[in-house]
Protein backbone atom coordinates (compact mmCIF):
# COMPACT_ATOMS: atom_id res chain seq x y z
CA MET A 1 -32.43 18.98 22.78
CA THR A 2 -31.19 16.41 19.95
CA ASP A 3 -29.02 19.37 17.97
CA LEU A 4 -27.56 20.88 21.09
CA ALA A 5 -26.42 17.68 22.64
CA ALA A 6 -24.78 17.31 18.97
CA ASP A 7 -23.44 20.43 19.62
CA LYS A 8 -21.89 19.87 22.52
CA PRO A 9 -17.85 19.77 22.98
CA GLY A 10 -17.61 16.49 24.61
CA SER A 11 -19.67 14.78 21.87
CA ARG A 12 -19.08 11.96 19.82
CA PRO A 13 -17.40 13.38 16.35
CA SER A 14 -19.60 12.32 13.11
CA TRP A 15 -16.99 10.13 10.35
CA ARG A 16 -18.64 13.24 8.14
CA ASN A 17 -15.96 15.17 9.84
CA VAL A 18 -13.02 13.01 8.70
CA ASP A 19 -10.71 14.02 6.26
CA LEU A 20 -11.43 11.16 3.75
CA THR A 21 -8.65 12.14 1.35
CA ALA A 22 -6.21 12.11 4.35
CA VAL A 23 -7.51 8.33 5.73
CA ALA A 24 -8.03 6.97 2.37
CA PRO A 25 -4.37 5.90 1.52
CA PHE A 26 -4.17 4.36 4.85
CA VAL A 27 -7.10 2.31 4.05
CA ALA A 28 -5.52 1.59 0.48
CA LEU A 29 -2.44 0.45 2.39
CA ALA A 30 -4.04 -1.96 4.83
CA LEU A 31 -6.50 -3.41 1.91
CA LEU A 32 -2.91 -4.16 -0.25
CA LEU A 33 -1.41 -5.85 2.62
CA VAL A 34 -4.63 -8.29 3.02
CA LEU A 35 -4.77 -8.91 -0.75
CA GLY A 36 -0.73 -9.89 -0.72
CA ALA A 37 -1.37 -12.31 2.52
CA PHE A 38 -3.96 -13.67 -0.06
CA ALA A 39 -1.79 -13.85 -3.27
CA ASN A 40 1.06 -15.29 -1.33
CA PRO A 41 1.78 -16.90 2.31
CA ASN A 42 5.67 -15.56 2.03
CA PHE A 43 4.58 -11.77 1.52
CA PHE A 44 3.91 -11.31 5.47
CA SER A 45 7.54 -12.32 6.10
CA VAL A 46 9.80 -9.93 7.77
CA ASP A 47 12.43 -10.35 5.31
CA ASN A 48 9.74 -9.61 2.33
CA LEU A 49 8.70 -6.57 3.81
CA LEU A 50 11.45 -5.42 4.96
CA ASN A 51 12.90 -5.76 1.59
CA VAL A 52 9.52 -4.01 -0.09
CA ILE A 53 10.09 -1.04 2.21
CA THR A 54 13.55 -0.54 1.25
CA ARG A 55 12.82 -1.45 -2.16
CA SER A 56 10.30 1.66 -1.83
CA ALA A 57 12.91 4.01 -0.30
CA PHE A 58 14.36 5.82 -3.22
CA ILE A 59 10.56 7.04 -4.26
CA ALA A 60 9.74 7.92 -0.86
CA ILE A 61 12.78 10.20 -0.22
CA ILE A 62 12.30 11.71 -3.52
CA ALA A 63 8.43 11.82 -3.47
CA VAL A 64 8.31 13.78 0.16
CA GLY A 65 10.57 16.59 -1.80
CA ALA A 66 8.35 16.36 -4.37
CA THR A 67 5.07 16.89 -1.69
CA PHE A 68 6.64 20.57 -1.14
CA VAL A 69 6.84 21.58 -4.92
CA ILE A 70 3.54 20.19 -5.20
CA SER A 71 2.00 21.89 -2.67
CA ALA A 72 3.27 25.13 -3.25
CA GLY A 73 1.83 25.07 -7.24
CA GLY A 74 4.41 23.45 -8.70
CA LEU A 75 5.84 20.52 -10.80
CA ASP A 76 9.08 18.92 -11.17
CA LEU A 77 9.23 16.23 -14.21
CA SER A 78 13.49 16.24 -14.05
CA VAL A 79 13.85 14.00 -10.66
CA GLY A 80 14.53 10.70 -12.60
CA SER A 81 17.31 12.30 -14.74
CA MET A 82 18.28 14.55 -12.11
CA VAL A 83 18.81 11.00 -9.93
CA ALA A 84 21.00 9.56 -13.14
CA PHE A 85 22.93 13.09 -13.09
CA VAL A 86 24.05 13.81 -9.35
CA ALA A 87 24.87 9.95 -8.82
CA SER A 88 26.94 9.93 -11.81
CA LEU A 89 28.74 13.00 -10.67
CA THR A 90 29.36 11.71 -7.48
CA ILE A 91 30.74 8.44 -8.25
CA MET A 92 33.14 9.97 -10.68
CA PHE A 93 34.05 12.50 -7.99
CA LEU A 94 34.77 9.30 -5.56
CA ASN A 95 36.80 7.45 -8.58
CA SER A 96 38.99 10.63 -8.83
CA GLY A 97 41.24 9.77 -5.94
CA ALA A 98 41.01 13.91 -5.05
CA PHE A 99 41.05 12.83 -1.24
CA ALA A 100 43.84 10.64 0.53
CA GLY A 101 41.98 7.47 1.79
CA PRO A 102 38.47 6.25 1.96
CA GLY A 103 36.71 7.79 4.49
CA PRO A 104 37.64 11.83 3.42
CA MET A 105 36.41 11.03 0.17
CA LEU A 106 33.21 9.41 1.44
CA ALA A 107 32.74 12.87 3.29
CA ALA A 108 33.69 14.80 0.08
CA ALA A 109 31.68 12.80 -1.83
CA ILE A 110 28.07 13.06 0.57
CA VAL A 111 29.16 16.70 0.57
CA LEU A 112 28.90 17.06 -3.37
CA ALA A 113 26.21 15.19 -3.54
CA LEU A 114 24.00 17.45 -1.52
CA LEU A 115 25.65 20.49 -3.12
CA LEU A 116 24.87 19.11 -6.88
CA GLY A 117 21.26 18.47 -5.75
CA ALA A 118 20.82 21.77 -4.43
CA ALA A 119 22.13 23.29 -7.37
CA CYS A 120 20.12 21.24 -9.73
CA GLY A 121 17.07 22.36 -7.62
CA LEU A 122 17.56 25.60 -7.20
CA ALA A 123 18.13 25.70 -11.22
CA ASN A 124 14.76 24.60 -12.00
CA GLY A 125 13.27 26.98 -8.64
CA LEU A 126 15.25 30.25 -10.58
CA ILE A 127 13.94 29.16 -14.36
CA THR A 128 10.49 28.82 -13.28
CA THR A 129 9.78 31.53 -10.69
CA MET A 130 12.67 34.06 -12.50
CA GLY A 131 11.77 32.97 -16.30
CA ARG A 132 8.45 32.93 -15.91
CA ILE A 133 8.15 29.44 -17.27
CA GLU A 134 5.13 27.00 -16.45
CA PRO A 135 6.52 24.33 -13.91
CA PHE A 136 6.09 21.35 -17.09
CA ILE A 137 7.79 23.26 -19.59
CA ALA A 138 10.69 24.35 -17.56
CA THR A 139 11.27 20.87 -15.72
CA LEU A 140 10.46 18.62 -18.94
CA GLY A 141 13.68 21.17 -20.59
CA THR A 142 15.65 20.19 -17.64
CA MET A 143 14.90 16.63 -17.72
CA GLY A 144 16.20 16.42 -21.18
CA ILE A 145 19.55 18.24 -20.26
CA PHE A 146 20.30 16.89 -16.84
CA ARG A 147 19.82 13.29 -19.03
CA GLY A 148 21.65 14.26 -21.84
CA LEU A 149 24.31 15.36 -19.60
CA THR A 150 24.31 11.51 -17.71
CA THR A 151 24.91 9.94 -21.49
CA TRP A 152 27.07 12.05 -22.60
CA LEU A 153 29.21 11.39 -19.03
CA SER A 154 28.70 8.03 -19.81
CA GLN A 155 29.50 7.79 -23.03
CA GLY A 156 26.54 5.88 -23.65
CA GLY A 157 28.25 3.01 -21.22
CA ALA A 158 27.91 2.86 -17.25
CA ILE A 159 29.95 4.81 -14.78
CA THR A 160 31.26 2.35 -11.72
CA LEU A 161 32.52 2.65 -8.93
CA ARG A 162 35.88 1.53 -8.76
CA SER A 163 37.59 1.40 -5.19
CA SER A 164 37.11 -1.76 -3.31
CA GLU A 165 37.74 -0.02 0.12
CA ILE A 166 35.51 2.97 -0.75
CA GLN A 167 32.51 0.09 -2.04
CA SER A 168 33.17 -1.87 1.48
CA LEU A 169 32.77 1.37 3.22
CA TYR A 170 29.93 2.49 2.06
CA ARG A 171 28.01 -0.55 1.17
CA PRO A 172 26.35 -0.87 4.83
CA ALA A 173 24.49 3.04 3.44
CA TYR A 174 21.42 0.66 1.99
CA PHE A 175 22.72 -2.73 2.96
CA GLY A 176 23.02 -2.39 6.61
CA SER A 177 20.58 -1.95 9.40
CA VAL A 178 20.65 -0.48 13.17
CA LEU A 179 19.28 -2.75 15.20
CA GLY A 180 17.74 -4.97 12.70
CA VAL A 181 16.29 -1.89 11.01
CA PRO A 182 18.01 -1.26 7.66
CA VAL A 183 19.23 2.02 7.18
CA PRO A 184 17.24 3.18 4.21
CA VAL A 185 14.29 2.26 5.99
CA ILE A 186 15.80 4.58 9.06
CA VAL A 187 16.60 7.68 6.51
CA ILE A 188 13.28 7.11 4.81
CA VAL A 189 11.35 7.99 8.62
CA ALA A 190 13.87 10.56 8.99
CA THR A 191 13.27 12.90 6.01
CA ALA A 192 9.76 12.08 6.55
CA ALA A 193 9.85 13.32 9.96
CA LEU A 194 11.88 16.72 8.96
CA GLY A 195 9.85 16.81 5.71
CA ALA A 196 6.86 16.74 7.92
CA PHE A 197 8.01 19.15 10.59
CA VAL A 198 8.83 22.01 8.07
CA LEU A 199 6.02 21.92 6.03
CA TYR A 200 3.28 21.79 9.20
CA ARG A 201 5.08 22.91 12.13
CA THR A 202 7.14 26.11 10.52
CA ARG A 203 6.39 29.56 8.91
CA TYR A 204 7.81 28.50 5.87
CA GLY A 205 5.41 25.42 6.04
CA ARG A 206 2.57 27.89 6.55
CA HIS A 207 3.92 29.66 3.48
CA VAL A 208 4.19 26.99 0.80
CA LEU A 209 0.60 25.85 1.44
CA ALA A 210 -0.41 29.68 1.19
CA VAL A 211 1.15 29.72 -2.24
CA GLY A 212 -0.43 26.56 -3.06
CA SER A 213 -3.86 27.57 -2.24
CA ASN A 214 -3.82 31.01 -3.73
CA GLU A 215 -0.85 32.80 -4.77
CA ASP A 216 -2.47 36.42 -5.53
CA VAL A 217 -3.42 36.14 -2.16
CA ALA A 218 -0.25 35.02 -0.90
CA ARG A 219 1.70 38.02 -2.22
CA TYR A 220 -1.31 40.47 -0.85
CA SER A 221 -0.24 38.99 2.23
CA GLY A 222 3.44 40.32 1.83
CA ILE A 223 4.43 36.04 1.59
CA PRO A 224 7.64 36.19 -1.07
CA VAL A 225 6.23 33.64 -3.51
CA ALA A 226 8.86 33.42 -6.25
CA ARG A 227 11.14 32.62 -3.24
CA VAL A 228 8.91 30.38 -1.75
CA ARG A 229 8.31 28.64 -4.57
CA THR A 230 12.04 28.08 -5.64
CA LEU A 231 13.08 26.76 -2.04
CA THR A 232 10.77 23.67 -2.46
CA TYR A 233 12.22 22.74 -6.05
CA VAL A 234 15.91 23.50 -3.47
CA ILE A 235 14.08 21.04 -0.61
CA GLN A 236 13.39 18.21 -3.95
CA GLY A 237 16.84 18.74 -5.41
CA LEU A 238 18.31 18.04 -1.54
CA CYS A 239 15.71 14.47 -1.13
CA VAL A 240 17.18 13.49 -4.96
CA ALA A 241 20.61 13.66 -3.50
CA VAL A 242 19.95 11.53 -0.46
CA ALA A 243 18.04 8.92 -2.53
CA CYS A 244 21.17 9.43 -5.06
CA LEU A 245 23.72 8.59 -1.20
CA LEU A 246 21.61 5.38 -0.72
CA TYR A 247 20.90 4.23 -4.76
CA ILE A 248 24.61 4.36 -5.07
CA PRO A 249 26.06 1.79 -3.13
CA ARG A 250 22.97 -0.41 -4.06
CA LEU A 251 24.19 -1.03 -7.24
CA GLY A 252 28.12 0.58 -7.11
CA SER A 253 27.23 2.17 -11.33
CA THR A 254 25.11 4.69 -12.91
CA SER A 255 23.91 4.81 -17.01
CA ALA A 256 21.71 7.04 -18.78
CA THR A 257 18.76 4.82 -17.86
CA THR A 258 19.18 5.21 -14.08
CA GLY A 259 15.88 7.23 -12.47
CA LEU A 260 14.01 6.30 -15.65
CA MET A 261 10.24 6.72 -14.81
CA TRP A 262 11.03 7.86 -11.24
CA GLU A 263 9.10 11.36 -11.67
CA LEU A 264 5.81 9.32 -12.74
CA GLN A 265 6.29 7.03 -9.57
CA ALA A 266 7.06 10.12 -7.59
CA ILE A 267 4.43 11.97 -8.34
CA THR A 268 2.10 8.99 -8.20
CA ALA A 269 3.49 8.61 -4.40
CA VAL A 270 2.24 12.13 -3.64
CA VAL A 271 -1.17 12.06 -5.65
CA VAL A 272 -1.90 8.53 -4.10
CA GLY A 273 -0.79 10.21 -0.39
CA GLY A 274 -3.39 12.76 -0.81
CA THR A 275 -1.89 16.19 -1.82
CA ALA A 276 -3.69 18.37 -3.93
CA LEU A 277 -1.98 18.39 -7.38
CA ARG A 278 -3.29 21.60 -7.44
CA GLY A 279 -1.30 22.85 -4.55
CA GLY A 280 -2.19 24.55 -1.31
CA VAL A 281 -2.32 20.85 0.36
CA GLY A 282 0.36 18.79 1.28
CA ARG A 283 0.82 15.22 3.27
CA ILE A 284 4.04 14.07 4.01
CA TRP A 285 2.81 11.17 5.62
CA GLY A 286 0.29 10.26 3.09
CA THR A 287 3.20 10.37 0.06
CA VAL A 288 5.25 7.68 2.08
CA CYS A 289 2.40 5.57 2.01
CA GLY A 290 1.93 6.36 -1.68
CA ALA A 291 5.19 5.05 -2.08
CA PHE A 292 4.88 2.36 -0.27
CA ILE A 293 1.71 1.07 -1.89
CA LEU A 294 3.37 1.25 -5.04
CA GLU A 295 5.87 -1.09 -4.22
CA ILE A 296 3.93 -2.61 -2.90
CA VAL A 297 1.64 -3.72 -5.79
CA GLY A 298 4.75 -4.69 -7.09
CA ASN A 299 6.41 -7.14 -4.97
CA ILE A 300 2.58 -8.52 -4.72
CA MET A 301 2.54 -8.80 -9.07
CA LEU A 302 6.48 -10.78 -8.14
CA LEU A 303 4.91 -13.31 -5.64
CA SER A 304 2.11 -14.06 -7.90
CA ASN A 305 0.34 -14.67 -10.63
CA PHE A 306 -2.63 -12.36 -11.41
CA VAL A 307 -0.34 -9.54 -13.77
CA SER A 308 2.71 -9.65 -15.59
CA GLU A 309 5.25 -8.02 -13.79
CA TYR A 310 6.20 -6.65 -16.99
CA LEU A 311 3.19 -4.19 -16.92
CA ILE A 312 4.11 -2.15 -13.66
CA GLY A 313 4.21 0.84 -15.93
CA ALA A 314 0.95 0.12 -16.90
CA ILE A 315 -0.56 -0.38 -13.43
CA GLN A 316 1.64 2.63 -12.07
CA GLY A 317 -0.40 4.79 -14.85
CA ALA A 318 -3.41 3.74 -13.93
CA ILE A 319 -3.14 4.09 -9.98
CA ILE A 320 -2.22 7.72 -10.78
CA ILE A 321 -5.96 8.23 -12.74
CA ILE A 322 -7.90 6.61 -10.44
CA ALA A 323 -5.90 8.51 -7.52
CA MET A 324 -7.48 11.35 -9.22
CA LEU A 325 -10.41 9.93 -9.82
CA VAL A 326 -11.04 9.57 -6.02
CA GLN A 327 -9.72 12.32 -4.70
CA ARG A 328 -11.84 14.44 -7.19
CA SER A 329 -14.57 12.38 -6.02
CA LEU A 330 -13.96 12.72 -2.14
CA ALA A 331 -13.52 16.70 -2.73
CA ARG A 332 -16.91 16.88 -4.32
CA ASN A 333 -18.28 15.37 -0.93
């Protein structure tokens, strides 16, 4: 009787049925919030929390694209260099005065940034799929290309947005707010919502997960594996472009060091969020949660004297190793 009762549809679900890898990032985020409250009373102030979320916008948006790439069994190490390259070309276009008036110039620059991001992503995708080169090697090569081109464009210095009219028109894209909510936060939610819809609710999203789960089975099922994988890199490039469009009004300049180590942060956010690095499993909202976790860790380090802020890179490296160990341990259970 007990077994029959447990099998009834209306019976209470067991905690064993809960996907721990999906829940773990949100539990970790909650624990970090508690730790932050103990570390500094100002941690839970509205200004600090909004600042944390706003500063995480770049990595969160890029990591949404990385979720598609990794879910399909790929990897992109060039995103940080791509940010520098796309942002530099966009600023140079804004300085060119190709269109009369700041409004048309800004509108054209937005379109250009999206096209550049998509083109860079397409290049990564074609090199990986058509060239049959391992994603690690292919994107490691394009990482060097994008970074080198940025250094050449800037001549080792900085590329600065010169027009004060464009700066004043563009500034609200990062520093503005809608009904008290910062624009970058709105962009994060919109990007993640769109990414979640595509990955979970469309045929293409199912193909992405199928390719990442088992490439051979997906191919035998009639799924165009090369096209699906290439499009994930295009999505990654578009997400990089959106992040660039938020980054430019923040500082108004770029250099050869722009986006340095962002690829590590993006991949860490994806892994911490519960996406399987081997592919086949993608968690968009977990990825966004992972980006918040990384920024909160850095914020706690700034607000407290527990650990030097100069060790944040080491902490992030440790986080991705711990996340992989936890993910593997939960998968075994």
